[in-house]
N, C-alpha and C. Protein backbone atom coordinates (compact mmCIF):
# COMPACT_ATOMS: atom_id res chain seq x y z
N MET A 1 1.04 -53.95 30.93
CA MET A 1 1.37 -52.48 30.89
C MET A 1 1.76 -51.98 29.54
N PRO A 2 2.56 -52.69 28.70
CA PRO A 2 2.83 -52.16 27.33
C PRO A 2 1.67 -51.93 26.55
N LYS A 3 0.54 -52.71 26.71
CA LYS A 3 -0.62 -52.53 25.94
C LYS A 3 -1.20 -51.17 26.02
N ALA A 4 -1.11 -50.49 27.21
CA ALA A 4 -1.65 -49.19 27.38
C ALA A 4 -0.99 -48.13 26.62
N ASP A 5 0.32 -48.34 26.26
CA ASP A 5 0.97 -47.36 25.40
C ASP A 5 0.76 -47.55 23.91
N GLU A 6 0.27 -48.71 23.50
CA GLU A 6 0.09 -48.92 22.13
C GLU A 6 -0.86 -47.93 21.46
N PRO A 7 -2.04 -47.63 22.07
CA PRO A 7 -2.96 -46.60 21.47
C PRO A 7 -2.35 -45.21 21.36
N ASN A 8 -1.46 -44.92 22.29
CA ASN A 8 -0.72 -43.59 22.33
C ASN A 8 0.19 -43.58 21.13
N ASP A 9 0.89 -44.66 20.94
CA ASP A 9 1.83 -44.75 19.83
C ASP A 9 1.20 -44.58 18.44
N LYS A 10 -0.07 -45.27 18.43
CA LYS A 10 -0.79 -45.10 17.10
C LYS A 10 -1.24 -43.66 16.88
N ALA A 11 -1.71 -43.01 17.98
CA ALA A 11 -2.11 -41.62 17.95
C ALA A 11 -0.95 -40.68 17.48
N PHE A 12 0.26 -40.99 18.12
CA PHE A 12 1.45 -40.20 17.64
C PHE A 12 1.78 -40.36 16.22
N GLU A 13 1.72 -41.66 15.77
CA GLU A 13 2.03 -41.90 14.33
C GLU A 13 0.98 -41.24 13.38
N SER A 14 -0.23 -41.24 13.86
CA SER A 14 -1.35 -40.64 13.06
C SER A 14 -1.08 -39.11 12.94
N LEU A 15 -0.76 -38.51 14.16
CA LEU A 15 -0.47 -37.12 14.21
C LEU A 15 0.72 -36.78 13.40
N ASP A 16 1.81 -37.56 13.43
CA ASP A 16 2.97 -37.33 12.64
C ASP A 16 2.65 -37.33 11.16
N ALA A 17 1.79 -38.30 10.73
CA ALA A 17 1.44 -38.42 9.37
C ALA A 17 0.53 -37.22 8.90
N ARG A 18 -0.32 -36.69 9.68
CA ARG A 18 -1.16 -35.60 9.40
C ARG A 18 -0.32 -34.24 9.45
N LEU A 19 0.66 -34.23 10.23
CA LEU A 19 1.54 -33.13 10.30
C LEU A 19 2.42 -32.98 9.05
N ASP A 20 2.95 -34.18 8.58
CA ASP A 20 3.73 -34.21 7.39
C ASP A 20 2.91 -33.89 6.20
N ALA A 21 1.61 -34.34 6.15
CA ALA A 21 0.74 -33.99 5.06
C ALA A 21 0.47 -32.46 5.05
N PHE A 22 0.17 -31.89 6.04
CA PHE A 22 0.01 -30.40 6.22
C PHE A 22 1.17 -29.65 5.76
N GLU A 23 2.48 -30.03 6.27
CA GLU A 23 3.62 -29.30 5.92
C GLU A 23 3.79 -29.35 4.43
N ALA A 24 3.55 -30.55 3.73
CA ALA A 24 3.76 -30.71 2.37
C ALA A 24 2.82 -29.85 1.58
N ARG A 25 1.54 -29.63 2.07
CA ARG A 25 0.59 -28.80 1.39
C ARG A 25 1.06 -27.32 1.53
N LYS A 26 1.59 -26.96 2.69
CA LYS A 26 2.01 -25.59 2.87
C LYS A 26 3.25 -25.29 2.05
N ALA A 27 4.18 -26.26 1.93
CA ALA A 27 5.31 -26.07 1.12
C ALA A 27 4.90 -25.88 -0.37
N ALA A 28 3.90 -26.59 -0.85
CA ALA A 28 3.50 -26.53 -2.26
C ALA A 28 2.86 -25.18 -2.55
N GLU A 29 2.15 -24.69 -1.52
CA GLU A 29 1.44 -23.29 -1.78
C GLU A 29 2.44 -22.11 -1.64
N LYS A 30 3.44 -22.27 -0.96
CA LYS A 30 4.38 -21.11 -0.67
C LYS A 30 5.04 -20.53 -1.89
N PRO A 31 5.46 -21.23 -2.90
CA PRO A 31 6.08 -20.54 -4.02
C PRO A 31 5.18 -19.62 -4.88
N VAL A 32 3.81 -19.97 -4.81
CA VAL A 32 2.85 -19.12 -5.57
C VAL A 32 2.79 -17.80 -4.78
N LYS A 33 2.74 -17.76 -3.46
CA LYS A 33 2.57 -16.59 -2.68
C LYS A 33 3.99 -15.81 -2.80
N ALA A 34 5.09 -16.44 -2.78
CA ALA A 34 6.32 -15.82 -2.81
C ALA A 34 6.51 -14.92 -4.00
N ALA A 35 6.07 -15.50 -5.18
CA ALA A 35 6.32 -14.67 -6.42
C ALA A 35 5.39 -13.46 -6.44
N GLY A 36 4.20 -13.48 -5.89
CA GLY A 36 3.35 -12.31 -5.81
C GLY A 36 3.91 -11.28 -4.72
N GLU A 37 4.34 -11.84 -3.59
CA GLU A 37 4.84 -10.93 -2.59
C GLU A 37 6.13 -10.27 -3.05
N LYS A 38 7.02 -10.97 -3.79
CA LYS A 38 8.21 -10.40 -4.26
C LYS A 38 7.91 -9.21 -5.21
N ALA A 39 6.97 -9.42 -6.07
CA ALA A 39 6.62 -8.28 -7.04
C ALA A 39 6.10 -7.10 -6.30
N SER A 40 5.26 -7.29 -5.21
CA SER A 40 4.71 -6.25 -4.46
C SER A 40 5.85 -5.52 -3.73
N GLN A 41 6.77 -6.28 -3.08
CA GLN A 41 7.91 -5.79 -2.47
C GLN A 41 8.77 -4.88 -3.35
N ASP A 42 9.00 -5.43 -4.50
CA ASP A 42 9.82 -4.59 -5.59
C ASP A 42 9.09 -3.36 -5.86
N GLY A 43 7.81 -3.33 -6.04
CA GLY A 43 7.10 -2.12 -6.40
C GLY A 43 7.16 -1.14 -5.25
N TYR A 44 6.95 -1.59 -4.04
CA TYR A 44 7.08 -0.64 -2.92
C TYR A 44 8.44 -0.04 -2.79
N ARG A 45 9.45 -0.96 -3.04
CA ARG A 45 10.86 -0.47 -2.99
C ARG A 45 11.18 0.59 -3.96
N LEU A 46 10.68 0.45 -5.14
CA LEU A 46 10.87 1.50 -6.17
C LEU A 46 10.16 2.77 -5.86
N LEU A 47 8.90 2.68 -5.31
CA LEU A 47 8.18 3.83 -4.90
C LEU A 47 8.90 4.49 -3.80
N ALA A 48 9.49 3.91 -2.79
CA ALA A 48 10.13 4.46 -1.62
C ALA A 48 11.46 5.19 -2.18
N ASP A 49 12.11 4.51 -3.15
CA ASP A 49 13.32 5.16 -3.76
C ASP A 49 12.97 6.48 -4.47
N LEU A 50 11.80 6.57 -5.13
CA LEU A 50 11.46 7.68 -5.82
C LEU A 50 11.05 8.84 -4.82
N ILE A 51 10.32 8.54 -3.83
CA ILE A 51 9.87 9.57 -2.81
C ILE A 51 11.12 9.91 -2.04
N GLY A 52 11.92 8.98 -1.71
CA GLY A 52 13.13 9.37 -0.88
C GLY A 52 14.09 10.21 -1.60
N GLY A 53 14.23 9.94 -2.92
CA GLY A 53 15.18 10.90 -3.76
C GLY A 53 14.67 12.24 -3.77
N VAL A 54 13.45 12.48 -3.89
CA VAL A 54 12.83 13.79 -4.06
C VAL A 54 12.95 14.49 -2.67
N LEU A 55 12.62 13.76 -1.60
CA LEU A 55 12.83 14.32 -0.26
C LEU A 55 14.23 14.77 0.07
N VAL A 56 15.13 13.87 -0.27
CA VAL A 56 16.48 14.15 0.06
C VAL A 56 17.00 15.38 -0.79
N GLY A 57 16.70 15.45 -2.03
CA GLY A 57 16.94 16.59 -2.80
C GLY A 57 16.38 17.95 -2.12
N LEU A 58 15.15 17.89 -1.68
CA LEU A 58 14.51 18.97 -1.15
C LEU A 58 15.30 19.32 0.19
N GLY A 59 15.72 18.39 0.94
CA GLY A 59 16.42 18.61 2.15
C GLY A 59 17.80 19.23 1.88
N PHE A 60 18.44 18.74 0.94
CA PHE A 60 19.72 19.42 0.66
C PHE A 60 19.59 20.86 0.05
N GLY A 61 18.49 21.03 -0.69
CA GLY A 61 18.20 22.34 -1.12
C GLY A 61 17.92 23.38 0.01
N TRP A 62 17.10 22.85 0.80
CA TRP A 62 16.81 23.65 2.04
C TRP A 62 18.02 24.03 2.90
N LEU A 63 18.90 23.05 3.11
CA LEU A 63 20.19 23.26 3.76
C LEU A 63 20.99 24.34 3.07
N LEU A 64 21.08 24.33 1.74
CA LEU A 64 21.84 25.28 1.00
C LEU A 64 21.10 26.69 1.13
N ASP A 65 19.80 26.65 1.09
CA ASP A 65 19.16 27.87 1.33
C ASP A 65 19.41 28.52 2.68
N HIS A 66 19.31 27.63 3.69
CA HIS A 66 19.40 28.12 5.05
C HIS A 66 20.87 28.58 5.44
N TYR A 67 21.90 27.93 4.90
CA TYR A 67 23.14 28.36 5.33
C TYR A 67 23.86 29.31 4.27
N ALA A 68 23.46 29.23 3.04
CA ALA A 68 24.11 30.16 1.99
C ALA A 68 23.24 31.30 1.77
N GLY A 69 21.96 31.25 2.18
CA GLY A 69 21.03 32.40 2.02
C GLY A 69 20.77 32.64 0.52
N THR A 70 20.54 31.51 -0.24
CA THR A 70 20.27 31.66 -1.61
C THR A 70 18.80 31.74 -2.00
N GLY A 71 17.96 31.90 -1.03
CA GLY A 71 16.48 32.17 -1.35
C GLY A 71 15.87 30.80 -1.69
N PRO A 72 14.94 30.80 -2.53
CA PRO A 72 14.29 29.49 -2.89
C PRO A 72 15.00 28.75 -3.96
N TRP A 73 16.02 29.26 -4.48
CA TRP A 73 16.74 28.65 -5.53
C TRP A 73 17.45 27.35 -5.17
N GLY A 74 17.83 27.23 -3.96
CA GLY A 74 18.44 25.95 -3.41
C GLY A 74 17.47 24.86 -3.43
N MET A 75 16.28 25.22 -2.89
CA MET A 75 15.28 24.15 -2.87
C MET A 75 14.80 23.71 -4.23
N VAL A 76 14.70 24.76 -5.16
CA VAL A 76 14.22 24.43 -6.52
C VAL A 76 15.24 23.53 -7.23
N GLY A 77 16.53 23.88 -7.00
CA GLY A 77 17.67 23.08 -7.59
C GLY A 77 17.68 21.73 -6.99
N GLY A 78 17.58 21.69 -5.62
CA GLY A 78 17.63 20.42 -4.94
C GLY A 78 16.42 19.55 -5.40
N LEU A 79 15.23 20.13 -5.63
CA LEU A 79 14.14 19.34 -6.05
C LEU A 79 14.36 18.78 -7.41
N LEU A 80 14.90 19.61 -8.32
CA LEU A 80 15.21 19.21 -9.64
C LEU A 80 16.22 18.02 -9.69
N ILE A 81 17.32 18.25 -8.99
CA ILE A 81 18.40 17.29 -8.98
C ILE A 81 18.01 16.02 -8.17
N GLY A 82 17.25 16.16 -7.13
CA GLY A 82 16.75 14.97 -6.49
C GLY A 82 15.80 14.17 -7.25
N THR A 83 14.85 14.88 -7.95
CA THR A 83 13.89 14.11 -8.78
C THR A 83 14.61 13.48 -9.92
N GLY A 84 15.55 14.13 -10.62
CA GLY A 84 16.34 13.52 -11.68
C GLY A 84 17.12 12.28 -11.23
N LEU A 85 17.78 12.34 -10.15
CA LEU A 85 18.57 11.17 -9.65
C LEU A 85 17.64 10.11 -9.22
N ALA A 86 16.57 10.45 -8.56
CA ALA A 86 15.55 9.34 -8.21
C ALA A 86 14.93 8.69 -9.34
N ILE A 87 14.58 9.36 -10.36
CA ILE A 87 14.08 8.71 -11.58
C ILE A 87 15.10 7.90 -12.22
N PHE A 88 16.38 8.35 -12.31
CA PHE A 88 17.45 7.58 -12.82
C PHE A 88 17.57 6.33 -12.13
N SER A 89 17.55 6.48 -10.82
CA SER A 89 17.88 5.26 -9.89
C SER A 89 16.67 4.22 -10.09
N VAL A 90 15.46 4.70 -10.14
CA VAL A 90 14.29 3.81 -10.26
C VAL A 90 14.26 3.14 -11.56
N VAL A 91 14.63 3.88 -12.65
CA VAL A 91 14.59 3.21 -13.98
C VAL A 91 15.64 2.23 -14.08
N ARG A 92 16.85 2.51 -13.39
CA ARG A 92 17.95 1.43 -13.40
C ARG A 92 17.53 0.18 -12.71
N LYS A 93 16.95 0.35 -11.49
CA LYS A 93 16.49 -0.78 -10.72
C LYS A 93 15.28 -1.50 -11.37
N ALA A 94 14.48 -0.82 -12.04
CA ALA A 94 13.28 -1.43 -12.76
C ALA A 94 13.87 -2.28 -13.94
N THR A 95 14.88 -1.81 -14.58
CA THR A 95 15.45 -2.47 -15.66
C THR A 95 16.04 -3.85 -15.21
N LYS A 96 16.71 -3.76 -14.14
CA LYS A 96 17.34 -4.93 -13.54
C LYS A 96 16.29 -5.93 -13.07
N LEU A 97 15.21 -5.47 -12.50
CA LEU A 97 14.25 -6.29 -12.01
C LEU A 97 13.40 -6.92 -13.17
N SER A 98 13.29 -6.20 -14.29
CA SER A 98 12.60 -6.72 -15.44
C SER A 98 13.46 -7.84 -16.15
N ALA A 99 14.75 -7.60 -16.16
CA ALA A 99 15.73 -8.63 -16.73
C ALA A 99 15.71 -9.85 -15.90
N GLN A 100 15.64 -9.74 -14.56
CA GLN A 100 15.61 -10.88 -13.68
C GLN A 100 14.28 -11.67 -13.92
N ALA A 101 13.16 -11.01 -13.99
CA ALA A 101 11.86 -11.61 -14.24
C ALA A 101 11.90 -12.32 -15.50
N SER A 102 12.31 -11.68 -16.60
CA SER A 102 12.27 -12.33 -17.93
C SER A 102 13.21 -13.62 -17.92
N LYS A 103 14.36 -13.46 -17.27
CA LYS A 103 15.29 -14.60 -17.22
C LYS A 103 14.58 -15.77 -16.36
N ALA A 104 13.86 -15.44 -15.32
CA ALA A 104 13.16 -16.50 -14.47
C ALA A 104 12.11 -17.13 -15.34
N LYS A 105 11.34 -16.29 -16.15
CA LYS A 105 10.28 -16.70 -16.99
C LYS A 105 10.75 -17.67 -17.98
N ALA A 106 11.89 -17.33 -18.59
CA ALA A 106 12.53 -18.15 -19.65
C ALA A 106 12.95 -19.51 -19.04
N GLU A 107 13.47 -19.50 -17.88
CA GLU A 107 13.84 -20.79 -17.25
C GLU A 107 12.71 -21.63 -16.95
N ASP A 108 11.54 -20.97 -16.57
CA ASP A 108 10.33 -21.74 -16.22
C ASP A 108 9.83 -22.35 -17.56
N VAL A 109 9.84 -21.66 -18.62
CA VAL A 109 9.32 -22.24 -19.89
C VAL A 109 10.35 -23.28 -20.34
N ASP A 110 11.55 -23.14 -20.20
CA ASP A 110 12.53 -24.25 -20.57
C ASP A 110 12.30 -25.53 -19.76
N ASN A 111 11.91 -25.35 -18.49
CA ASN A 111 11.65 -26.47 -17.66
C ASN A 111 10.29 -27.02 -17.79
N GLY A 112 9.52 -26.47 -18.60
CA GLY A 112 8.09 -26.95 -18.84
C GLY A 112 7.15 -26.48 -17.74
N ASP A 113 7.52 -25.57 -16.82
CA ASP A 113 6.66 -25.14 -15.80
C ASP A 113 5.82 -23.99 -16.15
N GLY A 114 6.11 -23.25 -17.36
CA GLY A 114 5.45 -22.13 -17.79
C GLY A 114 3.98 -22.39 -18.32
N PRO A 115 3.28 -21.35 -18.54
CA PRO A 115 1.83 -21.60 -18.98
C PRO A 115 1.87 -22.09 -20.42
N THR A 116 0.92 -22.93 -20.72
CA THR A 116 0.84 -23.52 -22.01
C THR A 116 -0.59 -23.28 -22.56
N ALA A 117 -0.68 -23.01 -23.78
CA ALA A 117 -2.00 -22.76 -24.37
C ALA A 117 -2.46 -24.03 -25.06
N PRO A 118 -3.73 -24.28 -24.99
CA PRO A 118 -4.22 -25.56 -25.58
C PRO A 118 -4.09 -25.52 -27.15
N LYS A 119 -3.58 -26.64 -27.61
CA LYS A 119 -3.44 -26.77 -29.03
C LYS A 119 -4.71 -26.78 -29.79
N GLN A 120 -4.85 -26.07 -30.89
CA GLN A 120 -5.97 -25.92 -31.68
C GLN A 120 -6.00 -27.01 -32.74
N LYS A 121 -7.17 -27.54 -33.09
CA LYS A 121 -7.40 -28.50 -34.12
C LYS A 121 -7.24 -27.75 -35.45
N ARG A 122 -6.56 -28.51 -36.40
CA ARG A 122 -6.45 -28.07 -37.82
C ARG A 122 -7.22 -29.03 -38.67
N ASP A 123 -8.04 -28.51 -39.54
CA ASP A 123 -8.79 -29.42 -40.44
C ASP A 123 -8.02 -29.80 -41.67
């Protein structure tokens, strides 16, 4: 009776080995995708902050116009203030992201993981 289980054990061992190899390949591919996905996410976050700031400024301007009766000037002022604050916020966040990216790139170069150019022959 134990002989009947031996082929199943070999099949399970083979399946475990193939599964381990598959997981190792996926783990090796993941960091490449993660870097591209992070850059895309950061870009969309900055775009959302810019659009959101403008819309919030317009909303506050509309509220001022509606309740204070200031005509279109509340919306104009809200648009200008919202746009200015949104640009300030986006530039500040983009500067932080740029500093983080350059720091990560410097660490990659220090570790030898960065791109290398082929050396040219000198005569």
